[in-house]
Amino acid sequence: MRQTVIPQLRITNAERSLAFYINRLGFAIDWQHQFQPGFPLFFQITRAGQTIFLTEHRGDCETGGAVYFVVPDVRELYAVFEKNGVTATNLPEDTPWGTCEFLLTDPDGNRLRFANDL
């Protein structure tokens, strides 16, 4: 099924954020937009079929947002991120609501939670 909702996260420094999302988390840039040189950047990025927007535009949203990613194997993904130098807030753990989850935070304080069903 095609993704029908795309979360949008505010970033304050595209270079720093892209280093995190692309080099450490394994997202790829689908496209980017900038009205003219020196203006804020806007990106669509995708990893394993899951797409998000990253925006430097102040009026789009605030930093400190959150995205919940459902993935096939949280523990495997955690190991990949850890190998890439990502420090998660917590180890993958089973929850009372029947998932296994871990949380990490991007350079702007946006929270990214990764989960799979038990």
PDB file of N, CA and C in Angstrom:
ATOM      1  N   MET A   1       0.845  -1.186   0.000  1.00  0.00           N
ATOM      2  CA  MET A   1       0.000   0.000   0.000  1.00  0.00           C
ATOM      3  C   MET A   1       0.886   1.244   0.000  1.00  0.00           C
ATOM      4  N   ARG A   2       0.505   2.188  -0.769  1.00  0.00           N
ATOM      5  CA  ARG A   2       1.222   3.458  -0.851  1.00  0.00           C
ATOM      6  C   ARG A   2       1.024   4.245   0.438  1.00  0.00           C
ATOM      7  N   GLN A   3       2.095   4.885   0.924  1.00  0.00           N
ATOM      8  CA  GLN A   3       2.009   5.727   2.116  1.00  0.00           C
ATOM      9  C   GLN A   3       1.114   6.905   1.795  1.00  0.00           C
ATOM     10  N   THR A   4       0.122   7.169   2.650  1.00  0.00           N
ATOM     11  CA  THR A   4      -0.839   8.231   2.358  1.00  0.00           C
ATOM     12  C   THR A   4      -0.692   9.457   3.252  1.00  0.00           C
ATOM     13  N   VAL A   5       0.160   9.381   4.262  1.00  0.00           N
ATOM     14  CA  VAL A   5       0.438  10.522   5.134  1.00  0.00           C
ATOM     15  C   VAL A   5       1.953  10.665   5.224  1.00  0.00           C
ATOM     16  N   ILE A   6       2.446  11.891   5.071  1.00  0.00           N
ATOM     17  CA  ILE A   6       3.889  12.115   5.173  1.00  0.00           C
ATOM     18  C   ILE A   6       4.150  13.087   6.320  1.00  0.00           C
ATOM     19  N   PRO A   7       4.758  12.592   7.404  1.00  0.00           N
ATOM     20  CA  PRO A   7       5.101  13.480   8.513  1.00  0.00           C
ATOM     21  C   PRO A   7       6.151  14.507   8.082  1.00  0.00           C
ATOM     22  N   GLN A   8       6.088  15.665   8.703  1.00  0.00           N
ATOM     23  CA  GLN A   8       7.015  16.745   8.391  1.00  0.00           C
ATOM     24  C   GLN A   8       7.717  17.171   9.675  1.00  0.00           C
ATOM     25  N   LEU A   9       9.045  17.246   9.625  1.00  0.00           N
ATOM     26  CA  LEU A   9       9.838  17.648  10.776  1.00  0.00           C
ATOM     27  C   LEU A   9      10.624  18.916  10.457  1.00  0.00           C
ATOM     28  N   ARG A  10      10.686  19.809  11.417  1.00  0.00           N
ATOM     29  CA  ARG A  10      11.450  21.052  11.271  1.00  0.00           C
ATOM     30  C   ARG A  10      12.905  20.779  11.604  1.00  0.00           C
ATOM     31  N   ILE A  11      13.799  21.248  10.742  1.00  0.00           N
ATOM     32  CA  ILE A  11      15.234  21.181  10.976  1.00  0.00           C
ATOM     33  C   ILE A  11      15.784  22.606  10.942  1.00  0.00           C
ATOM     34  N   THR A  12      16.896  22.819  11.623  1.00  0.00           N
ATOM     35  CA  THR A  12      17.462  24.176  11.669  1.00  0.00           C
ATOM     36  C   THR A  12      18.770  24.296  10.909  1.00  0.00           C
ATOM     37  N   ASN A  13      19.355  23.155  10.514  1.00  0.00           N
ATOM     38  CA  ASN A  13      20.610  23.165   9.774  1.00  0.00           C
ATOM     39  C   ASN A  13      20.602  21.959   8.842  1.00  0.00           C
ATOM     40  N   ALA A  14      20.343  22.196   7.568  1.00  0.00           N
ATOM     41  CA  ALA A  14      20.184  21.103   6.607  1.00  0.00           C
ATOM     42  C   ALA A  14      21.419  20.212   6.536  1.00  0.00           C
ATOM     43  N   GLU A  15      22.593  20.790   6.521  1.00  0.00           N
ATOM     44  CA  GLU A  15      23.816  19.995   6.416  1.00  0.00           C
ATOM     45  C   GLU A  15      23.937  19.017   7.592  1.00  0.00           C
ATOM     46  N   ARG A  16      23.731  19.515   8.792  1.00  0.00           N
ATOM     47  CA  ARG A  16      23.811  18.680   9.992  1.00  0.00           C
ATOM     48  C   ARG A  16      22.712  17.611  10.001  1.00  0.00           C
ATOM     49  N   SER A  17      21.501  18.004   9.666  1.00  0.00           N
ATOM     50  CA  SER A  17      20.384  17.062   9.675  1.00  0.00           C
ATOM     51  C   SER A  17      20.537  15.987   8.609  1.00  0.00           C
ATOM     52  N   LEU A  18      20.972  16.382   7.418  1.00  0.00           N
ATOM     53  CA  LEU A  18      21.153  15.388   6.361  1.00  0.00           C
ATOM     54  C   LEU A  18      22.263  14.403   6.712  1.00  0.00           C
ATOM     55  N   ALA A  19      23.326  14.863   7.346  1.00  0.00           N
ATOM     56  CA  ALA A  19      24.385  13.947   7.785  1.00  0.00           C
ATOM     57  C   ALA A  19      23.803  12.894   8.716  1.00  0.00           C
ATOM     58  N   PHE A  20      22.904  13.299   9.583  1.00  0.00           N
ATOM     59  CA  PHE A  20      22.264  12.367  10.513  1.00  0.00           C
ATOM     60  C   PHE A  20      21.318  11.414   9.786  1.00  0.00           C
ATOM     61  N   TYR A  21      20.379  11.960   9.029  1.00  0.00           N
ATOM     62  CA  TYR A  21      19.356  11.133   8.386  1.00  0.00           C
ATOM     63  C   TYR A  21      19.916  10.260   7.259  1.00  0.00           C
ATOM     64  N   ILE A  22      20.833  10.782   6.474  1.00  0.00           N
ATOM     65  CA  ILE A  22      21.357  10.043   5.324  1.00  0.00           C
ATOM     66  C   ILE A  22      22.499   9.116   5.754  1.00  0.00           C
ATOM     67  N   ASN A  23      23.521   9.662   6.382  1.00  0.00           N
ATOM     68  CA  ASN A  23      24.717   8.882   6.712  1.00  0.00           C
ATOM     69  C   ASN A  23      24.519   7.921   7.881  1.00  0.00           C
ATOM     70  N   ARG A  24      23.709   8.285   8.841  1.00  0.00           N
ATOM     71  CA  ARG A  24      23.564   7.442  10.036  1.00  0.00           C
ATOM     72  C   ARG A  24      22.302   6.592  10.048  1.00  0.00           C
ATOM     73  N   LEU A  25      21.189   7.140   9.544  1.00  0.00           N
ATOM     74  CA  LEU A  25      19.941   6.383   9.565  1.00  0.00           C
ATOM     75  C   LEU A  25      19.639   5.677   8.252  1.00  0.00           C
ATOM     76  N   GLY A  26      20.337   6.036   7.183  1.00  0.00           N
ATOM     77  CA  GLY A  26      20.163   5.333   5.920  1.00  0.00           C
ATOM     78  C   GLY A  26      19.031   5.819   5.036  1.00  0.00           C
ATOM     79  N   PHE A  27      18.517   7.018   5.289  1.00  0.00           N
ATOM     80  CA  PHE A  27      17.522   7.592   4.390  1.00  0.00           C
ATOM     81  C   PHE A  27      18.227   8.047   3.104  1.00  0.00           C
ATOM     82  N   ALA A  28      17.461   8.226   2.044  1.00  0.00           N
ATOM     83  CA  ALA A  28      17.966   8.775   0.787  1.00  0.00           C
ATOM     84  C   ALA A  28      17.111   9.984   0.427  1.00  0.00           C
ATOM     85  N   ILE A  29      17.733  10.972  -0.181  1.00  0.00           N
ATOM     86  CA  ILE A  29      16.989  12.159  -0.625  1.00  0.00           C
ATOM     87  C   ILE A  29      16.256  11.817  -1.908  1.00  0.00           C
ATOM     88  N   ASP A  30      14.927  11.981  -1.891  1.00  0.00           N
ATOM     89  CA  ASP A  30      14.106  11.786  -3.097  1.00  0.00           C
ATOM     90  C   ASP A  30      14.145  13.043  -3.955  1.00  0.00           C
ATOM     91  N   TRP A  31      13.987  14.170  -3.311  1.00  0.00           N
ATOM     92  CA  TRP A  31      14.064  15.461  -3.973  1.00  0.00           C
ATOM     93  C   TRP A  31      14.223  16.553  -2.926  1.00  0.00           C
ATOM     94  N   GLN A  32      14.640  17.722  -3.390  1.00  0.00           N
ATOM     95  CA  GLN A  32      14.744  18.875  -2.512  1.00  0.00           C
ATOM     96  C   GLN A  32      14.256  20.106  -3.253  1.00  0.00           C
ATOM     97  N   HIS A  33      13.847  21.117  -2.476  1.00  0.00           N
ATOM     98  CA  HIS A  33      13.347  22.354  -3.068  1.00  0.00           C
ATOM     99  C   HIS A  33      13.906  23.535  -2.289  1.00  0.00           C
ATOM    100  N   GLN A  34      14.214  24.592  -3.039  1.00  0.00           N
ATOM    101  CA  GLN A  34      14.652  25.857  -2.457  1.00  0.00           C
ATOM    102  C   GLN A  34      14.194  26.942  -3.418  1.00  0.00           C
ATOM    103  N   PHE A  35      13.447  27.926  -2.916  1.00  0.00           N
ATOM    104  CA  PHE A  35      12.908  28.951  -3.796  1.00  0.00           C
ATOM    105  C   PHE A  35      14.001  29.712  -4.533  1.00  0.00           C
ATOM    106  N   GLN A  36      15.089  30.014  -3.831  1.00  0.00           N
ATOM    107  CA  GLN A  36      16.257  30.637  -4.455  1.00  0.00           C
ATOM    108  C   GLN A  36      17.431  30.489  -3.498  1.00  0.00           C
ATOM    109  N   PRO A  37      18.656  30.670  -3.991  1.00  0.00           N
ATOM    110  CA  PRO A  37      19.831  30.507  -3.126  1.00  0.00           C
ATOM    111  C   PRO A  37      19.713  31.349  -1.852  1.00  0.00           C
ATOM    112  N   GLY A  38      20.093  30.753  -0.743  1.00  0.00           N
ATOM    113  CA  GLY A  38      20.029  31.439   0.543  1.00  0.00           C
ATOM    114  C   GLY A  38      18.701  31.280   1.268  1.00  0.00           C
ATOM    115  N   PHE A  39      17.694  30.758   0.590  1.00  0.00           N
ATOM    116  CA  PHE A  39      16.400  30.524   1.217  1.00  0.00           C
ATOM    117  C   PHE A  39      16.407  29.155   1.902  1.00  0.00           C
ATOM    118  N   PRO A  40      15.442  28.914   2.804  1.00  0.00           N
ATOM    119  CA  PRO A  40      15.378  27.629   3.496  1.00  0.00           C
ATOM    120  C   PRO A  40      15.197  26.462   2.517  1.00  0.00           C
ATOM    121  N   LEU A  41      15.700  25.310   2.948  1.00  0.00           N
ATOM    122  CA  LEU A  41      15.606  24.085   2.147  1.00  0.00           C
ATOM    123  C   LEU A  41      14.460  23.210   2.629  1.00  0.00           C
ATOM    124  N   PHE A  42      13.933  22.416   1.711  1.00  0.00           N
ATOM    125  CA  PHE A  42      12.854  21.469   1.998  1.00  0.00           C
ATOM    126  C   PHE A  42      13.225  20.157   1.307  1.00  0.00           C
ATOM    127  N   PHE A  43      13.155  19.045   2.031  1.00  0.00           N
ATOM    128  CA  PHE A  43      13.557  17.747   1.496  1.00  0.00           C
ATOM    129  C   PHE A  43      12.462  16.715   1.669  1.00  0.00           C
ATOM    130  N   GLN A  44      12.383  15.799   0.715  1.00  0.00           N
ATOM    131  CA  GLN A  44      11.654  14.554   0.913  1.00  0.00           C
ATOM    132  C   GLN A  44      12.702  13.465   0.981  1.00  0.00           C
ATOM    133  N   ILE A  45      12.674  12.672   2.065  1.00  0.00           N
ATOM    134  CA  ILE A  45      13.628  11.580   2.221  1.00  0.00           C
ATOM    135  C   ILE A  45      12.869  10.288   2.512  1.00  0.00           C
ATOM    136  N   THR A  46      13.462   9.163   2.095  1.00  0.00           N
ATOM    137  CA  THR A  46      12.807   7.868   2.262  1.00  0.00           C
ATOM    138  C   THR A  46      13.817   6.828   2.705  1.00  0.00           C
ATOM    139  N   ARG A  47      13.367   5.945   3.582  1.00  0.00           N
ATOM    140  CA  ARG A  47      14.153   4.795   4.032  1.00  0.00           C
ATOM    141  C   ARG A  47      13.211   3.610   4.118  1.00  0.00           C
ATOM    142  N   ALA A  48      13.553   2.538   3.419  1.00  0.00           N
ATOM    143  CA  ALA A  48      12.767   1.299   3.477  1.00  0.00           C
ATOM    144  C   ALA A  48      11.276   1.552   3.241  1.00  0.00           C
ATOM    145  N   GLY A  49      10.978   2.404   2.265  1.00  0.00           N
ATOM    146  CA  GLY A  49       9.588   2.656   1.902  1.00  0.00           C
ATOM    147  C   GLY A  49       8.849   3.622   2.813  1.00  0.00           C
ATOM    148  N   GLN A  50       9.526   4.219   3.778  1.00  0.00           N
ATOM    149  CA  GLN A  50       8.894   5.172   4.688  1.00  0.00           C
ATOM    150  C   GLN A  50       9.453   6.569   4.413  1.00  0.00           C
ATOM    151  N   THR A  51       8.558   7.489   4.082  1.00  0.00           N
ATOM    152  CA  THR A  51       8.923   8.823   3.636  1.00  0.00           C
ATOM    153  C   THR A  51       8.587   9.864   4.690  1.00  0.00           C
ATOM    154  N   ILE A  52       9.477  10.846   4.848  1.00  0.00           N
ATOM    155  CA  ILE A  52       9.211  12.010   5.687  1.00  0.00           C
ATOM    156  C   ILE A  52       9.705  13.256   4.961  1.00  0.00           C
ATOM    157  N   PHE A  53       9.178  14.401   5.370  1.00  0.00           N
ATOM    158  CA  PHE A  53       9.660  15.689   4.901  1.00  0.00           C
ATOM    159  C   PHE A  53      10.530  16.298   5.994  1.00  0.00           C
ATOM    160  N   LEU A  54      11.594  16.973   5.585  1.00  0.00           N
ATOM    161  CA  LEU A  54      12.414  17.787   6.477  1.00  0.00           C
ATOM    162  C   LEU A  54      12.372  19.206   5.939  1.00  0.00           C
ATOM    163  N   THR A  55      12.083  20.171   6.801  1.00  0.00           N
ATOM    164  CA  THR A  55      11.948  21.548   6.344  1.00  0.00           C
ATOM    165  C   THR A  55      12.715  22.521   7.231  1.00  0.00           C
ATOM    166  N   GLU A  56      13.417  23.447   6.590  1.00  0.00           N
ATOM    167  CA  GLU A  56      14.054  24.555   7.308  1.00  0.00           C
ATOM    168  C   GLU A  56      13.110  25.758   7.435  1.00  0.00           C
ATOM    169  N   HIS A  57      11.966  25.717   6.769  1.00  0.00           N
ATOM    170  CA  HIS A  57      11.021  26.835   6.791  1.00  0.00           C
ATOM    171  C   HIS A  57      10.421  26.995   8.185  1.00  0.00           C
ATOM    172  N   ARG A  58      10.605  28.155   8.781  1.00  0.00           N
ATOM    173  CA  ARG A  58      10.115  28.405  10.147  1.00  0.00           C
ATOM    174  C   ARG A  58       8.606  28.286  10.267  1.00  0.00           C
ATOM    175  N   GLY A  59       7.880  28.673   9.259  1.00  0.00           N
ATOM    176  CA  GLY A  59       6.422  28.663   9.338  1.00  0.00           C
ATOM    177  C   GLY A  59       5.778  27.311   9.116  1.00  0.00           C
ATOM    178  N   ASP A  60       6.543  26.310   8.702  1.00  0.00           N
ATOM    179  CA  ASP A  60       5.953  25.003   8.411  1.00  0.00           C
ATOM    180  C   ASP A  60       5.574  24.233   9.668  1.00  0.00           C
ATOM    181  N   CYS A  61       6.453  24.197  10.653  1.00  0.00           N
ATOM    182  CA  CYS A  61       6.215  23.490  11.905  1.00  0.00           C
ATOM    183  C   CYS A  61       7.346  23.837  12.865  1.00  0.00           C
ATOM    184  N   GLU A  62       7.255  23.366  14.079  1.00  0.00           N
ATOM    185  CA  GLU A  62       8.258  23.649  15.101  1.00  0.00           C
ATOM    186  C   GLU A  62       9.172  22.446  15.299  1.00  0.00           C
ATOM    187  N   THR A  63      10.365  22.663  15.817  1.00  0.00           N
ATOM    188  CA  THR A  63      11.231  21.552  16.196  1.00  0.00           C
ATOM    189  C   THR A  63      10.607  20.831  17.384  1.00  0.00           C
ATOM    190  N   GLY A  64      11.047  19.608  17.608  1.00  0.00           N
ATOM    191  CA  GLY A  64      10.511  18.827  18.720  1.00  0.00           C
ATOM    192  C   GLY A  64       9.329  17.966  18.329  1.00  0.00           C
ATOM    193  N   GLY A  65       9.173  17.709  17.034  1.00  0.00           N
ATOM    194  CA  GLY A  65       8.096  16.839  16.571  1.00  0.00           C
ATOM    195  C   GLY A  65       8.421  15.380  16.845  1.00  0.00           C
ATOM    196  N   ALA A  66       7.538  14.503  16.410  1.00  0.00           N
ATOM    197  CA  ALA A  66       7.731  13.075  16.632  1.00  0.00           C
ATOM    198  C   ALA A  66       7.161  12.278  15.468  1.00  0.00           C
ATOM    199  N   VAL A  67       7.843  11.171  15.153  1.00  0.00           N
ATOM    200  CA  VAL A  67       7.376  10.251  14.118  1.00  0.00           C
ATOM    201  C   VAL A  67       7.489   8.836  14.675  1.00  0.00           C
ATOM    202  N   TYR A  68       6.503   8.020  14.399  1.00  0.00           N
ATOM    203  CA  TYR A  68       6.460   6.624  14.833  1.00  0.00           C
ATOM    204  C   TYR A  68       6.602   5.748  13.586  1.00  0.00           C
ATOM    205  N   PHE A  69       7.708   5.022  13.487  1.00  0.00           N
ATOM    206  CA  PHE A  69       7.984   4.154  12.341  1.00  0.00           C
ATOM    207  C   PHE A  69       7.723   2.701  12.743  1.00  0.00           C
ATOM    208  N   VAL A  70       6.894   2.019  11.995  1.00  0.00           N
ATOM    209  CA  VAL A  70       6.696   0.588  12.194  1.00  0.00           C
ATOM    210  C   VAL A  70       7.624  -0.120  11.213  1.00  0.00           C
ATOM    211  N   VAL A  71       8.512  -0.956  11.750  1.00  0.00           N
ATOM    212  CA  VAL A  71       9.536  -1.631  10.960  1.00  0.00           C
ATOM    213  C   VAL A  71       9.461  -3.136  11.184  1.00  0.00           C
ATOM    214  N   PRO A  72      10.052  -3.936  10.288  1.00  0.00           N
ATOM    215  CA  PRO A  72       9.969  -5.392  10.429  1.00  0.00           C
ATOM    216  C   PRO A  72      10.695  -5.944  11.659  1.00  0.00           C
ATOM    217  N   ASP A  73      11.881  -5.409  11.984  1.00  0.00           N
ATOM    218  CA  ASP A  73      12.686  -5.965  13.075  1.00  0.00           C
ATOM    219  C   ASP A  73      13.422  -4.851  13.807  1.00  0.00           C
ATOM    220  N   VAL A  74      12.870  -4.423  14.923  1.00  0.00           N
ATOM    221  CA  VAL A  74      13.422  -3.313  15.687  1.00  0.00           C
ATOM    222  C   VAL A  74      14.832  -3.606  16.189  1.00  0.00           C
ATOM    223  N   ARG A  75      15.049  -4.796  16.690  1.00  0.00           N
ATOM    224  CA  ARG A  75      16.364  -5.116  17.259  1.00  0.00           C
ATOM    225  C   ARG A  75      17.451  -5.111  16.176  1.00  0.00           C
ATOM    226  N   GLU A  76      17.121  -5.599  15.012  1.00  0.00           N
ATOM    227  CA  GLU A  76      18.069  -5.572  13.902  1.00  0.00           C
ATOM    228  C   GLU A  76      18.363  -4.129  13.478  1.00  0.00           C
ATOM    229  N   LEU A  77      17.321  -3.313  13.376  1.00  0.00           N
ATOM    230  CA  LEU A  77      17.497  -1.913  12.999  1.00  0.00           C
ATOM    231  C   LEU A  77      18.313  -1.163  14.055  1.00  0.00           C
ATOM    232  N   TYR A  78      18.055  -1.433  15.317  1.00  0.00           N
ATOM    233  CA  TYR A  78      18.823  -0.817  16.401  1.00  0.00           C
ATOM    234  C   TYR A  78      20.310  -1.130  16.227  1.00  0.00           C
ATOM    235  N   ALA A  79      20.636  -2.378  15.908  1.00  0.00           N
ATOM    236  CA  ALA A  79      22.039  -2.776  15.717  1.00  0.00           C
ATOM    237  C   ALA A  79      22.672  -2.026  14.548  1.00  0.00           C
ATOM    238  N   VAL A  80      21.929  -1.829  13.470  1.00  0.00           N
ATOM    239  CA  VAL A  80      22.432  -1.082  12.310  1.00  0.00           C
ATOM    240  C   VAL A  80      22.702   0.367  12.709  1.00  0.00           C
ATOM    241  N   PHE A  81      21.746   0.994  13.377  1.00  0.00           N
ATOM    242  CA  PHE A  81      21.919   2.385  13.797  1.00  0.00           C
ATOM    243  C   PHE A  81      23.103   2.516  14.752  1.00  0.00           C
ATOM    244  N   GLU A  82      23.211   1.591  15.699  1.00  0.00           N
ATOM    245  CA  GLU A  82      24.310   1.626  16.661  1.00  0.00           C
ATOM    246  C   GLU A  82      25.659   1.526  15.944  1.00  0.00           C
ATOM    247  N   LYS A  83      25.734   0.649  14.937  1.00  0.00           N
ATOM    248  CA  LYS A  83      26.958   0.504  14.136  1.00  0.00           C
ATOM    249  C   LYS A  83      27.301   1.805  13.413  1.00  0.00           C
ATOM    250  N   ASN A  84      26.269   2.575  13.047  1.00  0.00           N
ATOM    251  CA  ASN A  84      26.460   3.845  12.347  1.00  0.00           C
ATOM    252  C   ASN A  84      26.699   5.018  13.298  1.00  0.00           C
ATOM    253  N   GLY A  85      26.863   4.733  14.584  1.00  0.00           N
ATOM    254  CA  GLY A  85      27.175   5.773  15.548  1.00  0.00           C
ATOM    255  C   GLY A  85      25.993   6.517  16.128  1.00  0.00           C
ATOM    256  N   VAL A  86      24.790   5.967  15.971  1.00  0.00           N
ATOM    257  CA  VAL A  86      23.595   6.596  16.514  1.00  0.00           C
ATOM    258  C   VAL A  86      23.400   6.117  17.952  1.00  0.00           C
ATOM    259  N   THR A  87      23.219   7.053  18.854  1.00  0.00           N
ATOM    260  CA  THR A  87      22.937   6.712  20.246  1.00  0.00           C
ATOM    261  C   THR A  87      21.448   6.882  20.494  1.00  0.00           C
ATOM    262  N   ALA A  88      20.792   5.785  20.776  1.00  0.00           N
ATOM    263  CA  ALA A  88      19.354   5.826  21.048  1.00  0.00           C
ATOM    264  C   ALA A  88      19.109   6.226  22.493  1.00  0.00           C
ATOM    265  N   THR A  89      17.921   6.732  22.759  1.00  0.00           N
ATOM    266  CA  THR A  89      17.524   7.111  24.109  1.00  0.00           C
ATOM    267  C   THR A  89      17.395   5.885  25.003  1.00  0.00           C
ATOM    268  N   ASN A  90      16.937   4.780  24.407  1.00  0.00           N
ATOM    269  CA  ASN A  90      16.768   3.555  25.172  1.00  0.00           C
ATOM    270  C   ASN A  90      17.032   2.339  24.287  1.00  0.00           C
ATOM    271  N   LEU A  91      17.336   1.227  24.912  1.00  0.00           N
ATOM    272  CA  LEU A  91      17.478  -0.041  24.206  1.00  0.00           C
ATOM    273  C   LEU A  91      16.103  -0.490  23.726  1.00  0.00           C
ATOM    274  N   PRO A  92      16.036  -1.329  22.682  1.00  0.00           N
ATOM    275  CA  PRO A  92      14.739  -1.876  22.303  1.00  0.00           C
ATOM    276  C   PRO A  92      14.126  -2.625  23.492  1.00  0.00           C
ATOM    277  N   GLU A  93      12.850  -2.354  23.735  1.00  0.00           N
ATOM    278  CA  GLU A  93      12.187  -3.026  24.847  1.00  0.00           C
ATOM    279  C   GLU A  93      10.759  -3.372  24.487  1.00  0.00           C
ATOM    280  N   ASP A  94      10.300  -4.478  25.040  1.00  0.00           N
ATOM    281  CA  ASP A  94       8.917  -4.902  24.850  1.00  0.00           C
ATOM    282  C   ASP A  94       8.010  -3.993  25.669  1.00  0.00           C
ATOM    283  N   THR A  95       6.868  -3.632  25.082  1.00  0.00           N
ATOM    284  CA  THR A  95       5.930  -2.736  25.750  1.00  0.00           C
ATOM    285  C   THR A  95       4.685  -3.500  26.200  1.00  0.00           C
ATOM    286  N   PRO A  96       3.945  -2.954  27.153  1.00  0.00           N
ATOM    287  CA  PRO A  96       2.693  -3.583  27.582  1.00  0.00           C
ATOM    288  C   PRO A  96       1.633  -3.618  26.479  1.00  0.00           C
ATOM    289  N   TRP A  97       1.782  -2.780  25.447  1.00  0.00           N
ATOM    290  CA  TRP A  97       0.789  -2.738  24.365  1.00  0.00           C
ATOM    291  C   TRP A  97       1.168  -3.629  23.187  1.00  0.00           C
ATOM    292  N   GLY A  98       2.171  -4.507  23.382  1.00  0.00           N
ATOM    293  CA  GLY A  98       2.448  -5.551  22.388  1.00  0.00           C
ATOM    294  C   GLY A  98       3.405  -5.194  21.275  1.00  0.00           C
ATOM    295  N   THR A  99       4.302  -4.249  21.537  1.00  0.00           N
ATOM    296  CA  THR A  99       5.314  -3.900  20.549  1.00  0.00           C
ATOM    297  C   THR A  99       6.692  -3.999  21.186  1.00  0.00           C
ATOM    298  N   CYS A 100       7.706  -3.944  20.345  1.00  0.00           N
ATOM    299  CA  CYS A 100       9.080  -3.755  20.799  1.00  0.00           C
ATOM    300  C   CYS A 100       9.504  -2.430  20.189  1.00  0.00           C
ATOM    301  N   GLU A 101      10.049  -1.509  21.009  1.00  0.00           N
ATOM    302  CA  GLU A 101      10.318  -0.150  20.540  1.00  0.00           C
ATOM    303  C   GLU A 101      11.631   0.395  21.082  1.00  0.00           C
ATOM    304  N   PHE A 102      12.191   1.352  20.342  1.00  0.00           N
ATOM    305  CA  PHE A 102      13.249   2.198  20.865  1.00  0.00           C
ATOM    306  C   PHE A 102      13.058   3.605  20.312  1.00  0.00           C
ATOM    307  N   LEU A 103      13.652   4.555  20.998  1.00  0.00           N
ATOM    308  CA  LEU A 103      13.504   5.966  20.658  1.00  0.00           C
ATOM    309  C   LEU A 103      14.871   6.579  20.436  1.00  0.00           C
ATOM    310  N   LEU A 104      14.950   7.465  19.454  1.00  0.00           N
ATOM    311  CA  LEU A 104      16.150   8.278  19.305  1.00  0.00           C
ATOM    312  C   LEU A 104      15.717   9.694  18.969  1.00  0.00           C
ATOM    313  N   THR A 105      16.646  10.609  19.117  1.00  0.00           N
ATOM    314  CA  THR A 105      16.348  12.021  18.904  1.00  0.00           C
ATOM    315  C   THR A 105      17.302  12.583  17.858  1.00  0.00           C
ATOM    316  N   ASP A 106      16.764  13.344  16.907  1.00  0.00           N
ATOM    317  CA  ASP A 106      17.616  13.930  15.868  1.00  0.00           C
ATOM    318  C   ASP A 106      18.305  15.185  16.406  1.00  0.00           C
ATOM    319  N   PRO A 107      19.192  15.802  15.623  1.00  0.00           N
ATOM    320  CA  PRO A 107      19.932  16.971  16.112  1.00  0.00           C
ATOM    321  C   PRO A 107      19.069  18.170  16.505  1.00  0.00           C
ATOM    322  N   ASP A 108      17.817  18.210  16.069  1.00  0.00           N
ATOM    323  CA  ASP A 108      16.925  19.320  16.412  1.00  0.00           C
ATOM    324  C   ASP A 108      15.922  18.975  17.503  1.00  0.00           C
ATOM    325  N   GLY A 109      16.067  17.811  18.105  1.00  0.00           N
ATOM    326  CA  GLY A 109      15.161  17.427  19.182  1.00  0.00           C
ATOM    327  C   GLY A 109      13.893  16.732  18.724  1.00  0.00           C
ATOM    328  N   ASN A 110      13.792  16.419  17.432  1.00  0.00           N
ATOM    329  CA  ASN A 110      12.650  15.639  16.947  1.00  0.00           C
ATOM    330  C   ASN A 110      12.834  14.193  17.396  1.00  0.00           C
ATOM    331  N   ARG A 111      11.749  13.574  17.869  1.00  0.00           N
ATOM    332  CA  ARG A 111      11.811  12.209  18.394  1.00  0.00           C
ATOM    333  C   ARG A 111      11.374  11.208  17.326  1.00  0.00           C
ATOM    334  N   LEU A 112      12.208  10.189  17.135  1.00  0.00           N
ATOM    335  CA  LEU A 112      11.937   9.141  16.157  1.00  0.00           C
ATOM    336  C   LEU A 112      11.817   7.830  16.920  1.00  0.00           C
ATOM    337  N   ARG A 113      10.626   7.258  16.921  1.00  0.00           N
ATOM    338  CA  ARG A 113      10.387   5.985  17.607  1.00  0.00           C
ATOM    339  C   ARG A 113      10.229   4.899  16.557  1.00  0.00           C
ATOM    340  N   PHE A 114      10.951   3.808  16.743  1.00  0.00           N
ATOM    341  CA  PHE A 114      10.899   2.669  15.839  1.00  0.00           C
ATOM    342  C   PHE A 114      10.307   1.490  16.582  1.00  0.00           C
ATOM    343  N   ALA A 115       9.368   0.783  15.945  1.00  0.00           N
ATOM    344  CA  ALA A 115       8.639  -0.276  16.631  1.00  0.00           C
ATOM    345  C   ALA A 115       8.294  -1.413  15.690  1.00  0.00           C
ATOM    346  N   ASN A 116       8.116  -2.581  16.270  1.00  0.00           N
ATOM    347  CA  ASN A 116       7.521  -3.695  15.546  1.00  0.00           C
ATOM    348  C   ASN A 116       6.582  -4.429  16.494  1.00  0.00           C
ATOM    349  N   ASP A 117       5.588  -5.107  15.910  1.00  0.00           N
ATOM    350  CA  ASP A 117       4.666  -5.911  16.705  1.00  0.00           C
ATOM    351  C   ASP A 117       5.386  -7.134  17.235  1.00  0.00           C
ATOM    352  N   LEU A 118       5.008  -7.563  18.420  1.00  0.00           N
ATOM    353  CA  LEU A 118       5.591  -8.772  18.987  1.00  0.00           C
ATOM    354  C   LEU A 118       4.914 -10.007  18.417  1.00  0.00           C
TER     355      LEU A 118
END
